[in-house]
Protein backbone atom coordinates (compact mmCIF):
# COMPACT_ATOMS: atom_id res chain seq x y z
CA MET A 1 184.79 209.81 75.09
CA GLU A 2 185.46 213.01 77.03
CA PHE A 3 183.77 216.33 76.30
CA SER A 4 185.99 218.55 78.40
CA THR A 5 188.72 218.35 81.00
CA PRO A 6 187.43 217.93 84.55
CA THR A 7 187.85 221.04 86.61
CA THR A 8 189.12 219.57 89.85
CA ASN A 9 189.92 216.36 91.66
CA MET A 10 187.35 215.75 94.38
CA ASP A 11 188.82 212.50 95.70
CA ASN A 12 188.69 213.69 99.29
CA VAL A 13 185.22 215.17 99.03
CA LEU A 14 182.95 212.62 97.35
CA LYS A 15 182.65 209.77 99.83
CA LYS A 16 179.26 208.06 99.64
CA VAL A 17 177.67 206.44 96.57
CA SER A 18 173.92 206.08 96.01
CA ILE A 19 172.75 203.53 93.43
CA VAL A 20 169.17 203.97 92.22
CA ILE A 21 167.55 201.09 90.35
CA PRO A 22 163.93 201.12 89.08
CA MET A 23 162.37 197.65 88.98
CA HIS A 24 159.24 196.31 87.30
CA ASN A 25 158.48 192.58 87.25
CA GLU A 26 162.11 191.57 87.74
CA GLU A 27 161.71 188.65 90.16
CA GLY A 28 164.05 186.56 88.01
CA ASN A 29 166.81 189.18 88.06
CA ALA A 30 166.56 190.93 91.44
CA MET A 31 168.62 188.55 93.59
CA ALA A 32 171.38 188.00 91.02
CA LEU A 33 171.65 191.76 90.44
CA TYR A 34 171.89 192.39 94.17
CA GLY A 35 174.73 189.88 94.47
CA GLU A 36 176.67 191.57 91.68
CA LEU A 37 176.10 194.99 93.23
CA LYS A 38 177.52 193.78 96.54
CA GLU A 39 180.53 192.30 94.76
CA ALA A 40 181.20 195.55 92.87
CA MET A 41 180.86 197.77 95.94
CA ALA A 42 183.10 195.46 98.00
CA LYS A 43 185.96 196.74 95.85
CA GLU A 44 185.19 200.34 96.84
CA ASN A 45 186.44 201.58 100.20
CA ARG A 46 183.48 203.86 100.78
CA ASP A 47 179.98 204.01 102.22
CA TYR A 48 177.11 203.30 99.83
CA GLU A 49 173.39 202.73 99.57
CA ILE A 50 171.31 200.78 97.06
CA ILE A 51 167.83 202.16 96.45
CA PHE A 52 165.50 199.76 94.67
CA VAL A 53 162.27 201.37 93.39
CA ASP A 54 159.54 198.84 92.63
CA ASP A 55 157.22 200.35 90.02
CA TYR A 56 154.15 198.34 91.05
CA SER A 57 155.37 194.89 90.01
CA TYR A 58 152.67 192.21 89.94
CA ASP A 59 155.14 189.35 90.42
CA ASN A 60 157.32 188.67 93.51
CA THR A 61 159.80 191.49 92.88
CA PHE A 62 158.80 193.51 95.95
CA LYS A 63 158.86 190.43 98.23
CA ILE A 64 162.40 189.61 97.08
CA LEU A 65 163.51 193.21 97.59
CA GLU A 66 161.89 193.24 101.03
CA ASP A 67 163.86 190.12 102.01
CA ILE A 68 167.09 191.75 100.78
CA PHE A 69 166.28 194.88 102.80
CA LYS A 70 165.84 192.87 106.00
CA LYS A 71 169.37 191.48 105.84
CA ASP A 72 171.33 194.43 104.41
CA LYS A 73 171.55 197.85 106.03
CA HIS A 74 172.82 199.34 102.77
CA VAL A 75 169.52 198.67 100.98
CA GLN A 76 166.42 200.84 100.74
CA VAL A 77 163.22 199.77 98.99
CA ILE A 78 160.52 202.07 97.66
CA SER A 79 157.26 200.67 96.32
CA LEU A 80 155.14 202.95 94.12
CA MET A 81 151.37 203.09 94.25
CA GLY A 82 150.42 202.04 90.73
CA ASN A 83 152.64 201.65 87.67
CA GLN A 84 153.88 205.23 87.18
CA GLY A 85 156.68 204.65 84.67
CA LYS A 86 160.45 204.41 84.78
CA ALA A 87 161.10 208.16 84.95
CA VAL A 88 158.77 208.61 87.93
CA ALA A 89 160.40 205.62 89.63
CA LEU A 90 163.80 207.23 89.10
CA ASN A 91 162.56 210.53 90.50
CA ALA A 92 161.21 208.73 93.57
CA GLY A 93 164.58 207.12 94.19
CA LEU A 94 166.51 210.32 93.56
CA LYS A 95 164.50 212.14 96.21
CA HIS A 96 165.81 209.67 98.80
CA VAL A 97 169.53 209.60 97.94
CA SER A 98 172.09 210.71 100.51
CA GLY A 99 175.28 209.96 98.60
CA ASP A 100 177.67 212.43 96.99
CA ILE A 101 177.77 210.35 93.80
CA VAL A 102 174.50 209.05 92.34
CA LEU A 103 174.52 206.14 89.91
CA ILE A 104 171.42 204.95 88.05
CA MET A 105 171.07 201.69 86.15
CA ASP A 106 168.42 199.26 84.93
CA GLY A 107 167.18 196.37 87.02
CA ASP A 108 166.97 193.75 84.27
CA GLY A 109 170.56 192.57 84.60
CA GLN A 110 171.69 193.91 81.23
CA HIS A 111 173.85 196.56 82.91
CA ASN A 112 176.86 194.88 84.49
CA PRO A 113 177.58 196.25 88.00
CA ALA A 114 181.27 195.42 87.41
CA TYR A 115 181.46 198.76 85.54
CA ILE A 116 180.41 200.73 88.62
CA PRO A 117 184.00 201.49 89.79
CA GLU A 118 184.74 203.09 86.39
CA PHE A 119 181.72 205.37 86.71
CA ILE A 120 182.68 206.32 90.26
CA SER A 121 186.27 207.03 89.19
CA ALA A 122 185.07 209.39 86.44
CA ILE A 123 183.12 211.49 88.95
CA GLN A 124 186.07 211.39 91.37
CA GLU A 125 188.26 212.77 88.58
CA GLY A 126 186.03 215.83 88.45
CA TYR A 127 183.52 215.01 85.73
CA ASP A 128 179.93 215.98 86.46
CA VAL A 129 178.43 213.04 84.55
CA ALA A 130 179.69 209.61 83.53
CA SER A 131 177.49 208.19 80.76
CA GLY A 132 177.62 204.66 79.41
CA TRP A 133 177.60 203.96 75.69
CA LYS A 134 176.94 200.60 74.06
CA LYS A 135 180.22 199.22 72.83
CA GLU A 136 178.51 195.86 72.41
CA ASP A 137 174.94 194.64 72.89
CA LYS A 138 174.53 190.88 73.34
CA GLY A 139 170.76 191.11 73.27
CA ARG A 140 170.43 192.82 69.90
CA SER A 141 170.75 191.61 66.32
CA LYS A 142 173.39 193.08 64.02
CA PHE A 143 170.68 194.79 61.95
CA LYS A 144 169.19 196.50 65.02
CA SER A 145 172.65 197.51 66.23
CA ILE A 146 173.44 199.21 62.90
CA LEU A 147 170.02 200.88 62.88
CA HIS A 148 170.43 202.11 66.47
CA ASN A 149 173.89 203.51 65.72
CA ASN A 150 172.55 205.45 62.74
CA ILE A 151 169.60 206.72 64.78
CA ASN A 152 172.03 207.99 67.43
CA ARG A 153 174.06 209.80 64.78
CA ILE A 154 170.87 211.48 63.52
CA ILE A 155 169.88 212.43 67.06
CA GLY A 156 173.34 213.89 67.65
CA LYS A 157 173.06 216.02 64.52
CA ILE A 158 169.57 217.25 65.42
CA MET A 159 170.41 217.96 69.05
CA GLY A 160 173.84 219.39 68.30
CA VAL A 161 175.35 217.12 70.95
CA LYS A 162 178.49 215.05 70.43
CA MET A 163 177.66 211.84 72.28
CA LYS A 164 178.20 208.33 70.96
CA TYR A 165 175.00 206.96 72.46
CA PHE A 166 171.96 208.57 74.07
CA GLY A 167 169.82 205.66 75.21
CA VAL A 168 171.94 203.89 77.85
CA ALA A 169 170.41 204.39 81.29
CA MET A 170 173.60 203.53 83.19
CA LYS A 171 174.96 206.88 84.30
CA ALA A 172 176.64 208.48 87.30
CA TYR A 173 176.15 212.07 88.47
CA ARG A 174 177.18 214.42 91.18
CA LYS A 175 174.22 214.52 93.58
CA GLU A 176 173.58 218.26 93.31
CA LEU A 177 173.33 217.96 89.52
CA ILE A 178 170.98 214.99 89.14
CA GLN A 179 168.58 216.27 91.79
CA ARG A 180 167.98 219.38 89.68
CA LEU A 181 166.68 217.27 86.79
CA GLU A 182 162.96 216.56 86.66
CA LEU A 183 162.52 213.47 84.48
CA SER A 184 159.12 212.60 83.07
CA GLY A 185 157.74 210.22 80.44
CA ASP A 186 160.73 208.59 78.74
CA LEU A 187 163.11 211.52 79.14
CA HIS A 188 165.44 209.45 81.32
CA ARG A 189 167.01 208.40 77.99
CA PHE A 190 168.01 212.02 77.35
CA ALA A 191 169.28 212.93 80.82
CA GLY A 192 172.81 213.19 79.39
CA VAL A 193 171.63 215.60 76.70
CA MET A 194 169.70 217.73 79.18
CA VAL A 195 172.76 218.26 81.38
CA TYR A 196 175.01 218.67 78.32
CA TYR A 197 173.02 221.75 77.34
CA LYS A 198 173.85 223.23 80.74
CA GLY A 199 177.58 223.13 79.97
CA ILE A 200 178.38 220.14 82.18
CA ASN A 201 181.56 218.03 81.93
CA ILE A 202 180.63 214.57 80.62
CA LYS A 203 182.73 211.44 80.20
CA GLU A 204 181.41 208.53 78.14
CA ILE A 205 182.34 205.04 79.33
CA PRO A 206 182.15 202.10 76.88
CA ILE A 207 180.15 199.19 78.29
CA LYS A 208 178.91 195.86 76.99
CA ILE A 209 175.16 195.33 77.34
CA ARG A 210 174.39 191.79 78.43
CA ALA A 211 171.57 189.69 77.03
CA ARG A 212 168.50 189.58 79.25
CA GLU A 213 168.37 186.20 81.01
CA ASN A 214 164.96 186.49 82.67
CA GLY A 215 161.75 188.33 81.86
CA SER A 216 160.99 190.30 78.73
CA SER A 217 161.84 193.78 77.51
CA LYS A 218 159.37 196.53 78.42
CA TYR A 219 160.04 198.31 75.09
CA SER A 220 159.46 197.14 71.53
CA PHE A 221 161.87 198.43 68.89
CA GLY A 222 159.13 200.26 66.97
CA LYS A 223 157.84 201.90 70.14
CA ILE A 224 161.30 203.11 71.06
CA VAL A 225 162.02 204.58 67.61
CA GLY A 226 158.68 206.39 67.47
CA LYS A 227 158.91 207.80 70.98
CA VAL A 228 162.57 208.78 70.63
CA PHE A 229 161.97 211.16 67.75
CA LEU A 230 158.98 212.70 69.51
CA ASP A 231 161.10 213.08 72.64
CA ILE A 232 163.82 214.83 70.62
CA VAL A 233 161.40 217.68 69.93
CA LEU A 234 160.38 217.75 73.60
CA VAL A 235 163.96 217.74 74.91
CA LYS A 236 164.96 220.44 72.44
CA PHE A 237 162.11 222.55 73.79
CA LEU A 238 162.77 221.73 77.45
CA THR A 239 166.48 222.45 77.31
CA LYS A 240 166.14 225.78 75.51
CA TYR A 241 162.71 227.16 76.30
CA SER A 242 161.35 225.40 79.41
CA ARG A 243 161.97 228.43 81.61
CA THR A 244 161.10 231.00 78.95
CA PRO A 245 158.38 229.44 76.74
CA PHE A 246 157.21 232.86 75.58
CA LYS A 247 160.43 233.13 73.56
CA ILE A 248 159.17 230.42 71.20
CA PHE A 249 155.41 231.03 71.24
CA GLY A 250 155.58 234.83 71.29
CA PRO A 251 157.52 235.28 68.02
CA ILE A 252 155.30 232.74 66.23
CA GLY A 253 152.19 234.61 67.33
CA PHE A 254 153.74 237.95 66.42
CA ILE A 255 154.70 236.77 62.90
CA LEU A 256 151.24 235.31 62.26
CA GLY A 257 149.63 238.51 63.53
CA ILE A 258 151.79 240.67 61.26
CA LEU A 259 151.01 238.49 58.23
CA GLY A 260 147.30 238.78 59.00
CA ILE A 261 147.51 242.54 59.36
CA LEU A 262 149.44 242.82 56.09
CA GLY A 263 146.72 240.77 54.37
CA VAL A 264 144.00 243.03 55.73
CA GLY A 265 146.06 246.06 54.73
CA TYR A 266 146.38 244.72 51.19
CA ILE A 267 142.60 244.34 50.94
CA ALA A 268 142.03 247.81 52.43
CA ILE A 269 144.38 249.43 49.89
CA ASN A 270 142.61 247.67 47.01
CA LYS A 271 139.26 248.78 48.41
CA TYR A 272 139.94 252.47 49.05
CA PHE A 273 142.49 253.27 46.33
CA PHE A 274 141.41 251.00 43.48
CA GLY A 275 137.78 250.38 44.31
CA ILE A 276 138.20 246.60 44.38
CA SER A 277 135.66 244.95 46.67
CA ALA A 278 136.98 242.84 49.53
CA PHE A 279 134.74 239.99 48.34
CA TYR A 280 136.99 239.53 45.30
CA ASP A 281 139.81 238.69 47.72
CA ILE A 282 137.69 236.67 50.12
CA SER A 283 140.31 233.92 50.46
CA ILE A 284 142.97 236.45 51.46
CA LEU A 285 140.52 238.05 53.90
CA LEU A 286 139.74 234.72 55.54
CA LEU A 287 143.39 233.67 55.74
CA SER A 288 144.31 237.05 57.22
CA ALA A 289 141.58 236.78 59.84
CA VAL A 290 142.65 233.25 60.75
CA ALA A 291 146.31 234.33 60.98
CA ILE A 292 145.43 237.20 63.32
CA ILE A 293 143.27 234.99 65.56
CA ILE A 294 145.86 232.19 65.75
CA GLY A 295 148.62 234.75 66.30
CA ILE A 296 146.75 236.23 69.26
CA GLN A 297 146.19 232.72 70.63
CA PHE A 298 149.89 231.89 70.37
CA ILE A 299 150.81 235.06 72.23
CA PHE A 300 148.34 234.37 75.03
CA PHE A 301 149.40 230.70 75.12
CA GLY A 302 153.02 231.82 75.46
CA LEU A 303 152.11 234.14 78.33
CA ILE A 304 150.17 231.39 80.12
CA ALA A 305 153.03 228.91 79.56
CA GLU A 306 155.45 231.49 80.97
CA LEU A 307 153.33 231.81 84.12
CA ILE A 308 153.04 228.03 84.49
CA SER A 309 156.80 227.68 84.03
CA ARG A 310 157.52 230.19 86.77
CA ILE A 311 155.12 228.45 89.13
CA TYR A 312 156.65 225.05 88.33
CA TYR A 313 160.20 226.20 88.95
CA ASN A 314 159.26 227.70 92.29
CA PRO A 315 161.36 225.71 94.81
CA ASP A 316 158.31 225.12 96.99
CA ASN A 317 156.39 223.43 94.18
CA LYS A 318 157.51 219.81 93.78
CA ALA A 319 156.22 217.08 91.47
CA THR A 320 154.13 214.47 93.27
CA VAL A 321 155.15 210.82 93.36
CA LEU A 322 152.67 208.36 94.89
CA ILE A 323 154.63 206.04 97.19
CA LYS A 324 152.93 203.01 98.73
CA THR A 325 155.78 201.72 100.93
CA SER A 326 159.23 203.02 101.82
CA LEU A 327 161.67 200.70 103.63
CA LYS A 328 164.68 202.45 105.13
CA HIS A 329 167.12 201.56 107.90
């Protein structure tokens, strides 16, 4: 699925590919995944690097990755200090990429590296983002597949974004684009949406999700559904108001303040023109006072959020990732 025509062909510009893969307790998948990555990249006549980010695995994942690093100059390994989450692991890897094209994928073996050339080709054609969508999922029941498809349609309606699927982590980006994204929590699922709001050219690539052969999923279905809808609200806010939070909090505070003032005005008119005591309208008086107080709080909260936003987006202020070990040739 294509959202717009690519602007230019950059075949002679984009040379190197960086593949970033977060890993957590994937000792049963790491070596097989590495072999498939090598096979896929052997078909590409270009330089590349594979950056594995171990998110504090307590099995032998890091040891396996360390052994791979020792025999392959194309491999980097980053080990985080403590389990910091998939988004933080991705950010850690993205800060170390040197390629012109950046591809991210899961480390559990469900994303087939054989699709990598298709993602690279899409970026070479001039698209800013190549995003995978689940044409088939071997590890999911028919009921869950139908439910997920309907959830994605709902998300698309709410977000106003025409994408077939939002939750597939396998994506490719131009380097300068992905490094501008700060992913936190579980927002890696919505990276495509966040760049879509910026007017970026996106191409969706149908992929088949393989069944997990080793290990267990880090996400339960109920957990995903609950967090997804909470994240929708967050992404909607981040994509529209993250740099200008006062635009959402200010008007709310202003409206509440006006309603409170109107309530007080109503009581004052009854008091001075009709001789009706304010105590007869005590509920209106209390509601008006509460509205004014909350309105003032919203306005001040918006101002503080605006200041925090400006500090955060200062280029010299970077999010901190705690890295224990970094192996690089």
